[in-house]
All heavy atoms as atom14 arrays in JSON, in Angstrom:
{
  "sequence": "EIHNDERFPHYRKLLFALEQARPDRAAVLTRHALAELNLPYEVA",
  "atom14_mask": [
    [1, 1, 1, 1, 1, 1, 1, 1, 1, 0, 0, 0, 0, 0],
    [1, 1, 1, 1, 1, 1, 1, 1, 0, 0, 0, 0, 0, 0],
    [1, 1, 1, 1, 1, 1, 1, 1, 1, 1, 0, 0, 0, 0],
    [1, 1, 1, 1, 1, 1, 1, 1, 0, 0, 0, 0, 0, 0],
    [1, 1, 1, 1, 1, 1, 1, 1, 0, 0, 0, 0, 0, 0],
    [1, 1, 1, 1, 1, 1, 1, 1, 1, 0, 0, 0, 0, 0],
    [1, 1, 1, 1, 1, 1, 1, 1, 1, 1, 1, 0, 0, 0],
    [1, 1, 1, 1, 1, 1, 1, 1, 1, 1, 1, 0, 0, 0],
    [1, 1, 1, 1, 1, 1, 1, 0, 0, 0, 0, 0, 0, 0],
    [1, 1, 1, 1, 1, 1, 1, 1, 1, 1, 0, 0, 0, 0],
    [1, 1, 1, 1, 1, 1, 1, 1, 1, 1, 1, 1, 0, 0],
    [1, 1, 1, 1, 1, 1, 1, 1, 1, 1, 1, 0, 0, 0],
    [1, 1, 1, 1, 1, 1, 1, 1, 1, 0, 0, 0, 0, 0],
    [1, 1, 1, 1, 1, 1, 1, 1, 0, 0, 0, 0, 0, 0],
    [1, 1, 1, 1, 1, 1, 1, 1, 0, 0, 0, 0, 0, 0],
    [1, 1, 1, 1, 1, 1, 1, 1, 1, 1, 1, 0, 0, 0],
    [1, 1, 1, 1, 1, 0, 0, 0, 0, 0, 0, 0, 0, 0],
    [1, 1, 1, 1, 1, 1, 1, 1, 0, 0, 0, 0, 0, 0],
    [1, 1, 1, 1, 1, 1, 1, 1, 1, 0, 0, 0, 0, 0],
    [1, 1, 1, 1, 1, 1, 1, 1, 1, 0, 0, 0, 0, 0],
    [1, 1, 1, 1, 1, 0, 0, 0, 0, 0, 0, 0, 0, 0],
    [1, 1, 1, 1, 1, 1, 1, 1, 1, 1, 1, 0, 0, 0],
    [1, 1, 1, 1, 1, 1, 1, 0, 0, 0, 0, 0, 0, 0],
    [1, 1, 1, 1, 1, 1, 1, 1, 0, 0, 0, 0, 0, 0],
    [1, 1, 1, 1, 1, 1, 1, 1, 1, 1, 1, 0, 0, 0],
    [1, 1, 1, 1, 1, 0, 0, 0, 0, 0, 0, 0, 0, 0],
    [1, 1, 1, 1, 1, 0, 0, 0, 0, 0, 0, 0, 0, 0],
    [1, 1, 1, 1, 1, 1, 1, 0, 0, 0, 0, 0, 0, 0],
    [1, 1, 1, 1, 1, 1, 1, 1, 0, 0, 0, 0, 0, 0],
    [1, 1, 1, 1, 1, 1, 1, 0, 0, 0, 0, 0, 0, 0],
    [1, 1, 1, 1, 1, 1, 1, 1, 1, 1, 1, 0, 0, 0],
    [1, 1, 1, 1, 1, 1, 1, 1, 1, 1, 0, 0, 0, 0],
    [1, 1, 1, 1, 1, 0, 0, 0, 0, 0, 0, 0, 0, 0],
    [1, 1, 1, 1, 1, 1, 1, 1, 0, 0, 0, 0, 0, 0],
    [1, 1, 1, 1, 1, 0, 0, 0, 0, 0, 0, 0, 0, 0],
    [1, 1, 1, 1, 1, 1, 1, 1, 1, 0, 0, 0, 0, 0],
    [1, 1, 1, 1, 1, 1, 1, 1, 0, 0, 0, 0, 0, 0],
    [1, 1, 1, 1, 1, 1, 1, 1, 0, 0, 0, 0, 0, 0],
    [1, 1, 1, 1, 1, 1, 1, 1, 0, 0, 0, 0, 0, 0],
    [1, 1, 1, 1, 1, 1, 1, 0, 0, 0, 0, 0, 0, 0],
    [1, 1, 1, 1, 1, 1, 1, 1, 1, 1, 1, 1, 0, 0],
    [1, 1, 1, 1, 1, 1, 1, 1, 1, 0, 0, 0, 0, 0],
    [1, 1, 1, 1, 1, 1, 1, 0, 0, 0, 0, 0, 0, 0],
    [1, 1, 1, 1, 1, 0, 0, 0, 0, 0, 0, 0, 0, 0]
  ],
  "atom14_positions": [
    [[-7.55, -1.05, -8.92], [-7.53, -2.3, -8.17], [-6.11, -2.81, -8.16], [-5.37, -2.65, -9.13], [-8.42, -3.36, -8.85], [-9.88, -3.04, -8.77], [-10.7, -4.11, -9.45], [-10.21, -5.24, -9.61], [-11.82, -3.79, -9.85], [0.0, 0.0, 0.0], [0.0, 0.0, 0.0], [0.0, 0.0, 0.0], [0.0, 0.0, 0.0], [0.0, 0.0, 0.0]],
    [[-5.73, -3.44, -7.07], [-4.39, -4.01, -6.96], [-4.37, -5.33, -7.71], [-5.29, -6.12, -7.62], [-4.06, -4.29, -5.49], [-4.31, -3.06, -4.64], [-2.69, -4.87, -5.34], [-3.15, -2.22, -4.39], [0.0, 0.0, 0.0], [0.0, 0.0, 0.0], [0.0, 0.0, 0.0], [0.0, 0.0, 0.0], [0.0, 0.0, 0.0], [0.0, 0.0, 0.0]],
    [[-3.3, -5.57, -8.45], [-3.11, -6.89, -9.03], [-2.99, -7.9, -7.9], [-2.48, -7.59, -6.83], [-1.83, -6.94, -9.87], [-1.95, -6.27, -11.19], [-2.84, -6.68, -12.15], [-1.29, -5.21, -11.7], [-2.72, -5.9, -13.21], [-1.79, -4.99, -12.96], [0.0, 0.0, 0.0], [0.0, 0.0, 0.0], [0.0, 0.0, 0.0], [0.0, 0.0, 0.0]],
    [[-3.49, -9.09, -8.11], [-3.38, -10.13, -7.09], [-1.92, -10.54, -7.0], [-1.43, -11.29, -7.82], [-4.27, -11.31, -7.47], [-4.36, -12.32, -6.35], [-3.87, -12.06, -5.25], [-4.97, -13.44, -6.63], [0.0, 0.0, 0.0], [0.0, 0.0, 0.0], [0.0, 0.0, 0.0], [0.0, 0.0, 0.0], [0.0, 0.0, 0.0], [0.0, 0.0, 0.0]],
    [[-1.23, -10.04, -6.0], [0.21, -10.23, -5.88], [0.55, -10.42, -4.41], [0.27, -9.54, -3.6], [0.91, -8.99, -6.45], [2.41, -9.14, -6.52], [2.97, -9.99, -5.81], [3.03, -8.39, -7.3], [0.0, 0.0, 0.0], [0.0, 0.0, 0.0], [0.0, 0.0, 0.0], [0.0, 0.0, 0.0], [0.0, 0.0, 0.0], [0.0, 0.0, 0.0]],
    [[1.15, -11.54, -4.07], [1.46, -11.81, -2.66], [2.48, -10.83, -2.08], [2.59, -10.69, -0.88], [1.92, -13.25, -2.45], [3.23, -13.61, -3.1], [3.08, -14.03, -4.55], [1.96, -14.13, -5.05], [4.13, -14.25, -5.18], [0.0, 0.0, 0.0], [0.0, 0.0, 0.0], [0.0, 0.0, 0.0], [0.0, 0.0, 0.0], [0.0, 0.0, 0.0]],
    [[3.22, -10.12, -2.93], [4.15, -9.11, -2.42], [3.41, -7.9, -1.87], [3.98, -7.09, -1.15], [5.1, -8.65, -3.53], [6.04, -9.73, -4.01], [6.86, -9.23, -5.16], [5.95, -8.87, -6.26], [6.29, -8.14, -7.31], [7.49, -7.67, -7.42], [5.42, -7.88, -8.25], [0.0, 0.0, 0.0], [0.0, 0.0, 0.0], [0.0, 0.0, 0.0]],
    [[2.15, -7.75, -2.21], [1.36, -6.61, -1.79], [0.13, -7.13, -1.06], [-0.91, -7.36, -1.67], [0.97, -5.78, -3.01], [0.47, -4.41, -2.67], [1.36, -3.41, -2.32], [-0.87, -4.12, -2.7], [0.91, -2.13, -2.01], [-1.33, -2.86, -2.4], [-0.44, -1.87, -2.05], [0.0, 0.0, 0.0], [0.0, 0.0, 0.0], [0.0, 0.0, 0.0]],
    [[0.23, -7.38, 0.24], [-0.89, -8.0, 0.97], [-2.13, -7.1, 1.01], [-2.02, -5.89, 0.91], [-0.31, -8.2, 2.38], [0.8, -7.24, 2.48], [1.35, -7.06, 1.11], [0.0, 0.0, 0.0], [0.0, 0.0, 0.0], [0.0, 0.0, 0.0], [0.0, 0.0, 0.0], [0.0, 0.0, 0.0], [0.0, 0.0, 0.0], [0.0, 0.0, 0.0]],
    [[-3.27, -7.72, 1.17], [-4.53, -6.99, 1.19], [-4.73, -6.31, 2.54], [-4.26, -6.78, 3.57], [-5.7, -7.95, 0.92], [-5.63, -8.53, -0.45], [-5.9, -7.81, -1.58], [-5.31, -9.76, -0.86], [-5.76, -8.57, -2.64], [-5.39, -9.77, -2.24], [0.0, 0.0, 0.0], [0.0, 0.0, 0.0], [0.0, 0.0, 0.0], [0.0, 0.0, 0.0]],
    [[-5.48, -5.23, 2.52], [-5.82, -4.54, 3.76], [-6.67, -5.45, 4.64], [-7.59, -6.1, 4.16], [-6.64, -3.27, 3.47], [-5.85, -2.15, 2.86], [-6.0, -1.82, 1.53], [-4.98, -1.4, 3.62], [-5.3, -0.78, 0.96], [-4.26, -0.35, 3.06], [-4.42, -0.05, 1.74], [-3.72, 0.97, 1.19], [0.0, 0.0, 0.0], [0.0, 0.0, 0.0]],
    [[-6.36, -5.45, 5.91], [-7.25, -6.09, 6.87], [-8.41, -5.14, 7.11], [-9.55, -5.52, 7.19], [-6.52, -6.39, 8.18], [-7.4, -7.0, 9.25], [-6.6, -7.41, 10.46], [-5.93, -6.27, 11.06], [-6.38, -5.61, 12.12], [-7.51, -5.96, 12.69], [-5.7, -4.6, 12.61], [0.0, 0.0, 0.0], [0.0, 0.0, 0.0], [0.0, 0.0, 0.0]],
    [[-8.06, -3.86, 7.25], [-9.08, -2.85, 7.48], [-8.69, -1.61, 6.68], [-7.65, -1.01, 6.93], [-9.14, -2.51, 8.97], [-10.17, -1.47, 9.33], [-10.22, -1.28, 10.83], [-11.36, -0.34, 11.18], [-11.47, -0.12, 12.62], [0.0, 0.0, 0.0], [0.0, 0.0, 0.0], [0.0, 0.0, 0.0], [0.0, 0.0, 0.0], [0.0, 0.0, 0.0]],
    [[-9.51, -1.25, 5.71], [-9.29, -0.04, 4.94], [-9.97, 1.1, 5.68], [-11.18, 1.13, 5.81], [-9.86, -0.17, 3.52], [-9.68, 1.03, 2.61], [-8.2, 1.33, 2.37], [-10.39, 0.8, 1.28], [0.0, 0.0, 0.0], [0.0, 0.0, 0.0], [0.0, 0.0, 0.0], [0.0, 0.0, 0.0], [0.0, 0.0, 0.0], [0.0, 0.0, 0.0]],
    [[-9.17, 2.02, 6.21], [-9.72, 3.11, 7.0], [-10.36, 4.17, 6.12], [-11.4, 4.7, 6.44], [-8.63, 3.74, 7.87], [-8.01, 2.78, 8.88], [-6.82, 3.41, 9.56], [-9.05, 2.35, 9.89], [0.0, 0.0, 0.0], [0.0, 0.0, 0.0], [0.0, 0.0, 0.0], [0.0, 0.0, 0.0], [0.0, 0.0, 0.0], [0.0, 0.0, 0.0]],
    [[-9.73, 4.49, 5.01], [-10.37, 5.38, 4.05], [-9.62, 5.34, 2.72], [-8.46, 4.98, 2.66], [-10.49, 6.82, 4.57], [-9.21, 7.6, 4.61], [-8.78, 8.35, 3.53], [-8.45, 7.62, 5.76], [-7.61, 9.08, 3.58], [-7.27, 8.36, 5.83], [-6.86, 9.08, 4.73], [0.0, 0.0, 0.0], [0.0, 0.0, 0.0], [0.0, 0.0, 0.0]],
    [[-10.32, 5.71, 1.68], [-9.74, 5.89, 0.35], [-10.29, 7.21, -0.15], [-11.47, 7.51, 0.01], [-10.16, 4.75, -0.57], [0.0, 0.0, 0.0], [0.0, 0.0, 0.0], [0.0, 0.0, 0.0], [0.0, 0.0, 0.0], [0.0, 0.0, 0.0], [0.0, 0.0, 0.0], [0.0, 0.0, 0.0], [0.0, 0.0, 0.0], [0.0, 0.0, 0.0]],
    [[-9.41, 8.02, -0.72], [-9.79, 9.37, -1.09], [-9.12, 9.75, -2.4], [-7.93, 9.54, -2.57], [-9.35, 10.32, 0.02], [-9.67, 11.78, -0.11], [-11.19, 11.99, 0.0], [-8.98, 12.55, 1.01], [0.0, 0.0, 0.0], [0.0, 0.0, 0.0], [0.0, 0.0, 0.0], [0.0, 0.0, 0.0], [0.0, 0.0, 0.0], [0.0, 0.0, 0.0]],
    [[-9.9, 10.29, -3.33], [-9.34, 10.81, -4.57], [-9.28, 12.33, -4.5], [-10.04, 12.94, -3.76], [-10.19, 10.36, -5.76], [-10.1, 8.86, -5.97], [-10.92, 8.39, -7.14], [-11.1, 9.16, -8.09], [-11.38, 7.25, -7.08], [0.0, 0.0, 0.0], [0.0, 0.0, 0.0], [0.0, 0.0, 0.0], [0.0, 0.0, 0.0], [0.0, 0.0, 0.0]],
    [[-8.41, 12.91, -5.24], [-8.23, 14.35, -5.33], [-7.83, 14.97, -3.99], [-8.21, 16.08, -3.68], [-9.51, 15.03, -5.81], [-9.62, 15.13, -7.3], [-10.77, 16.02, -7.68], [-11.89, 15.78, -7.27], [-10.51, 17.01, -8.49], [0.0, 0.0, 0.0], [0.0, 0.0, 0.0], [0.0, 0.0, 0.0], [0.0, 0.0, 0.0], [0.0, 0.0, 0.0]],
    [[-7.08, 14.27, -3.2], [-6.66, 14.79, -1.9], [-5.43, 15.67, -2.04], [-4.49, 15.31, -2.74], [-6.35, 13.64, -0.96], [0.0, 0.0, 0.0], [0.0, 0.0, 0.0], [0.0, 0.0, 0.0], [0.0, 0.0, 0.0], [0.0, 0.0, 0.0], [0.0, 0.0, 0.0], [0.0, 0.0, 0.0], [0.0, 0.0, 0.0], [0.0, 0.0, 0.0]],
    [[-5.42, 16.79, -1.39], [-4.22, 17.62, -1.29], [-3.35, 17.03, -0.19], [-3.88, 16.54, 0.81], [-4.59, 19.06, -0.96], [-5.36, 19.72, -2.06], [-5.75, 21.13, -1.65], [-6.6, 21.71, -2.66], [-6.16, 22.28, -3.78], [-4.87, 22.37, -4.0], [-6.99, 22.76, -4.67], [0.0, 0.0, 0.0], [0.0, 0.0, 0.0], [0.0, 0.0, 0.0]],
    [[-2.04, 17.05, -0.35], [-1.17, 16.41, 0.66], [-1.39, 16.89, 2.09], [-1.44, 16.08, 3.01], [0.23, 16.75, 0.16], [0.07, 16.89, -1.32], [-1.28, 17.51, -1.5], [0.0, 0.0, 0.0], [0.0, 0.0, 0.0], [0.0, 0.0, 0.0], [0.0, 0.0, 0.0], [0.0, 0.0, 0.0], [0.0, 0.0, 0.0], [0.0, 0.0, 0.0]],
    [[-1.56, 18.19, 2.29], [-1.74, 18.68, 3.66], [-3.06, 18.2, 4.26], [-3.12, 17.79, 5.41], [-1.63, 20.21, 3.71], [-2.59, 20.91, 2.76], [-3.08, 20.29, 1.8], [-2.84, 22.11, 2.98], [0.0, 0.0, 0.0], [0.0, 0.0, 0.0], [0.0, 0.0, 0.0], [0.0, 0.0, 0.0], [0.0, 0.0, 0.0], [0.0, 0.0, 0.0]],
    [[-4.12, 18.21, 3.46], [-5.43, 17.74, 3.94], [-5.42, 16.23, 4.14], [-6.03, 15.71, 5.08], [-6.52, 18.15, 2.97], [-6.69, 19.65, 2.9], [-7.71, 20.05, 1.89], [-7.68, 21.5, 1.69], [-8.13, 22.11, 0.64], [-8.67, 21.41, -0.35], [-8.06, 23.42, 0.53], [0.0, 0.0, 0.0], [0.0, 0.0, 0.0], [0.0, 0.0, 0.0]],
    [[-4.75, 15.53, 3.26], [-4.67, 14.07, 3.39], [-3.93, 13.67, 4.66], [-4.29, 12.7, 5.32], [-3.98, 13.47, 2.17], [0.0, 0.0, 0.0], [0.0, 0.0, 0.0], [0.0, 0.0, 0.0], [0.0, 0.0, 0.0], [0.0, 0.0, 0.0], [0.0, 0.0, 0.0], [0.0, 0.0, 0.0], [0.0, 0.0, 0.0], [0.0, 0.0, 0.0]],
    [[-2.9, 14.42, 5.02], [-2.16, 14.13, 6.25], [-3.07, 14.27, 7.46], [-3.07, 13.42, 8.36], [-0.96, 15.05, 6.37], [0.0, 0.0, 0.0], [0.0, 0.0, 0.0], [0.0, 0.0, 0.0], [0.0, 0.0, 0.0], [0.0, 0.0, 0.0], [0.0, 0.0, 0.0], [0.0, 0.0, 0.0], [0.0, 0.0, 0.0], [0.0, 0.0, 0.0]],
    [[-3.88, 15.31, 7.48], [-4.81, 15.51, 8.6], [-5.86, 14.4, 8.63], [-6.17, 13.84, 9.7], [-5.49, 16.89, 8.5], [-6.61, 17.04, 9.51], [-4.46, 18.0, 8.67], [0.0, 0.0, 0.0], [0.0, 0.0, 0.0], [0.0, 0.0, 0.0], [0.0, 0.0, 0.0], [0.0, 0.0, 0.0], [0.0, 0.0, 0.0], [0.0, 0.0, 0.0]],
    [[-6.41, 14.03, 7.47], [-7.38, 12.93, 7.41], [-6.76, 11.62, 7.88], [-7.4, 10.82, 8.55], [-7.92, 12.77, 5.98], [-8.86, 13.87, 5.51], [-9.11, 13.74, 4.01], [-10.16, 13.8, 6.28], [0.0, 0.0, 0.0], [0.0, 0.0, 0.0], [0.0, 0.0, 0.0], [0.0, 0.0, 0.0], [0.0, 0.0, 0.0], [0.0, 0.0, 0.0]],
    [[-5.51, 11.4, 7.51], [-4.81, 10.2, 7.94], [-4.7, 10.18, 9.46], [-4.98, 9.17, 10.1], [-3.41, 10.12, 7.31], [-3.56, 10.11, 5.88], [-2.66, 8.88, 7.75], [0.0, 0.0, 0.0], [0.0, 0.0, 0.0], [0.0, 0.0, 0.0], [0.0, 0.0, 0.0], [0.0, 0.0, 0.0], [0.0, 0.0, 0.0], [0.0, 0.0, 0.0]],
    [[-4.33, 11.31, 10.04], [-4.2, 11.39, 11.51], [-5.53, 11.06, 12.18], [-5.58, 10.29, 13.14], [-3.75, 12.79, 11.91], [-3.57, 12.93, 13.41], [-3.21, 14.34, 13.86], [-2.53, 15.13, 12.87], [-2.88, 16.37, 12.53], [-3.91, 16.95, 13.1], [-2.19, 17.04, 11.63], [0.0, 0.0, 0.0], [0.0, 0.0, 0.0], [0.0, 0.0, 0.0]],
    [[-6.62, 11.63, 11.67], [-7.94, 11.39, 12.28], [-8.38, 9.93, 12.1], [-8.96, 9.35, 13.02], [-8.97, 12.34, 11.7], [-8.77, 13.75, 12.13], [-8.76, 14.15, 13.45], [-8.53, 14.87, 11.4], [-8.55, 15.45, 13.53], [-8.39, 15.91, 12.3], [0.0, 0.0, 0.0], [0.0, 0.0, 0.0], [0.0, 0.0, 0.0], [0.0, 0.0, 0.0]],
    [[-8.12, 9.37, 10.94], [-8.5, 7.97, 10.71], [-7.73, 7.02, 11.62], [-8.27, 6.04, 12.12], [-8.28, 7.6, 9.25], [0.0, 0.0, 0.0], [0.0, 0.0, 0.0], [0.0, 0.0, 0.0], [0.0, 0.0, 0.0], [0.0, 0.0, 0.0], [0.0, 0.0, 0.0], [0.0, 0.0, 0.0], [0.0, 0.0, 0.0], [0.0, 0.0, 0.0]],
    [[-6.46, 7.32, 11.84], [-5.63, 6.45, 12.68], [-5.94, 6.59, 14.16], [-5.59, 5.71, 14.95], [-4.15, 6.74, 12.42], [-3.66, 6.38, 11.02], [-2.22, 6.83, 10.85], [-3.81, 4.91, 10.74], [0.0, 0.0, 0.0], [0.0, 0.0, 0.0], [0.0, 0.0, 0.0], [0.0, 0.0, 0.0], [0.0, 0.0, 0.0], [0.0, 0.0, 0.0]],
    [[-6.61, 7.66, 14.54], [-6.94, 7.87, 15.95], [-7.77, 6.71, 16.5], [-7.62, 6.32, 17.65], [-7.67, 9.19, 16.13], [0.0, 0.0, 0.0], [0.0, 0.0, 0.0], [0.0, 0.0, 0.0], [0.0, 0.0, 0.0], [0.0, 0.0, 0.0], [0.0, 0.0, 0.0], [0.0, 0.0, 0.0], [0.0, 0.0, 0.0], [0.0, 0.0, 0.0]],
    [[-8.64, 6.14, 15.65], [-9.49, 5.04, 16.12], [-8.7, 3.76, 16.41], [-9.2, 2.87, 17.1], [-10.6, 4.76, 15.11], [-10.15, 4.03, 13.86], [-11.28, 3.73, 12.92], [-11.93, 4.68, 12.44], [-11.51, 2.54, 12.67], [0.0, 0.0, 0.0], [0.0, 0.0, 0.0], [0.0, 0.0, 0.0], [0.0, 0.0, 0.0], [0.0, 0.0, 0.0]],
    [[-7.48, 3.67, 15.92], [-6.66, 2.47, 16.17], [-5.87, 2.56, 17.47], [-5.24, 1.58, 17.86], [-5.69, 2.25, 15.0], [-6.31, 1.98, 13.64], [-5.23, 1.82, 12.6], [-7.21, 0.76, 13.67], [0.0, 0.0, 0.0], [0.0, 0.0, 0.0], [0.0, 0.0, 0.0], [0.0, 0.0, 0.0], [0.0, 0.0, 0.0], [0.0, 0.0, 0.0]],
    [[-5.87, 3.74, 18.11], [-5.12, 3.95, 19.35], [-3.65, 3.57, 19.2], [-3.09, 2.86, 20.02], [-5.75, 3.17, 20.51], [-7.14, 3.68, 20.81], [-7.36, 4.88, 20.84], [-8.07, 2.76, 21.01], [0.0, 0.0, 0.0], [0.0, 0.0, 0.0], [0.0, 0.0, 0.0], [0.0, 0.0, 0.0], [0.0, 0.0, 0.0], [0.0, 0.0, 0.0]],
    [[-3.04, 4.05, 18.13], [-1.64, 3.76, 17.85], [-0.74, 4.65, 18.69], [-1.15, 5.75, 19.1], [-1.34, 4.02, 16.37], [-2.07, 3.15, 15.37], [-1.85, 3.7, 13.97], [-1.62, 1.73, 15.47], [0.0, 0.0, 0.0], [0.0, 0.0, 0.0], [0.0, 0.0, 0.0], [0.0, 0.0, 0.0], [0.0, 0.0, 0.0], [0.0, 0.0, 0.0]],
    [[0.49, 4.24, 18.91], [1.45, 5.15, 19.53], [1.59, 6.4, 18.67], [1.51, 6.35, 17.44], [2.75, 4.35, 19.55], [2.34, 2.93, 19.41], [1.06, 2.92, 18.63], [0.0, 0.0, 0.0], [0.0, 0.0, 0.0], [0.0, 0.0, 0.0], [0.0, 0.0, 0.0], [0.0, 0.0, 0.0], [0.0, 0.0, 0.0], [0.0, 0.0, 0.0]],
    [[1.82, 7.52, 19.32], [1.92, 8.81, 18.63], [2.94, 8.76, 17.49], [2.7, 9.26, 16.4], [2.29, 9.91, 19.63], [2.55, 11.24, 18.98], [1.5, 12.04, 18.55], [3.85, 11.69, 18.78], [1.74, 13.26, 17.94], [4.1, 12.91, 18.16], [3.04, 13.69, 17.75], [3.28, 14.89, 17.14], [0.0, 0.0, 0.0], [0.0, 0.0, 0.0]],
    [[4.08, 8.15, 17.75], [5.16, 8.07, 16.76], [4.7, 7.39, 15.47], [5.01, 7.83, 14.37], [6.31, 7.26, 17.36], [7.68, 7.81, 17.12], [8.69, 6.97, 17.87], [9.0, 5.86, 17.39], [9.16, 7.43, 18.92], [0.0, 0.0, 0.0], [0.0, 0.0, 0.0], [0.0, 0.0, 0.0], [0.0, 0.0, 0.0], [0.0, 0.0, 0.0]],
    [[3.95, 6.3, 15.62], [3.47, 5.54, 14.45], [2.46, 6.37, 13.66], [2.54, 6.47, 12.44], [2.87, 4.19, 14.89], [2.21, 3.48, 13.71], [3.93, 3.32, 15.53], [0.0, 0.0, 0.0], [0.0, 0.0, 0.0], [0.0, 0.0, 0.0], [0.0, 0.0, 0.0], [0.0, 0.0, 0.0], [0.0, 0.0, 0.0], [0.0, 0.0, 0.0]],
    [[1.51, 6.98, 14.36], [0.5, 7.78, 13.68], [1.12, 8.98, 12.98], [0.76, 9.31, 11.85], [-0.55, 8.24, 14.69], [0.0, 0.0, 0.0], [0.0, 0.0, 0.0], [0.0, 0.0, 0.0], [0.0, 0.0, 0.0], [0.0, 0.0, 0.0], [0.0, 0.0, 0.0], [0.0, 0.0, 0.0], [0.0, 0.0, 0.0], [0.0, 0.0, 0.0]]
  ]
}
């Protein structure tokens, strides 16, 4: 859990949380999760 600290704002929308993720797989999951936000390609 995050300490209650104004320097670290809370998520408005938590798209996913994952434990034991390998970096390459996590990158792909991140890309898929961000697809629903319709972000510019550069940002995603």
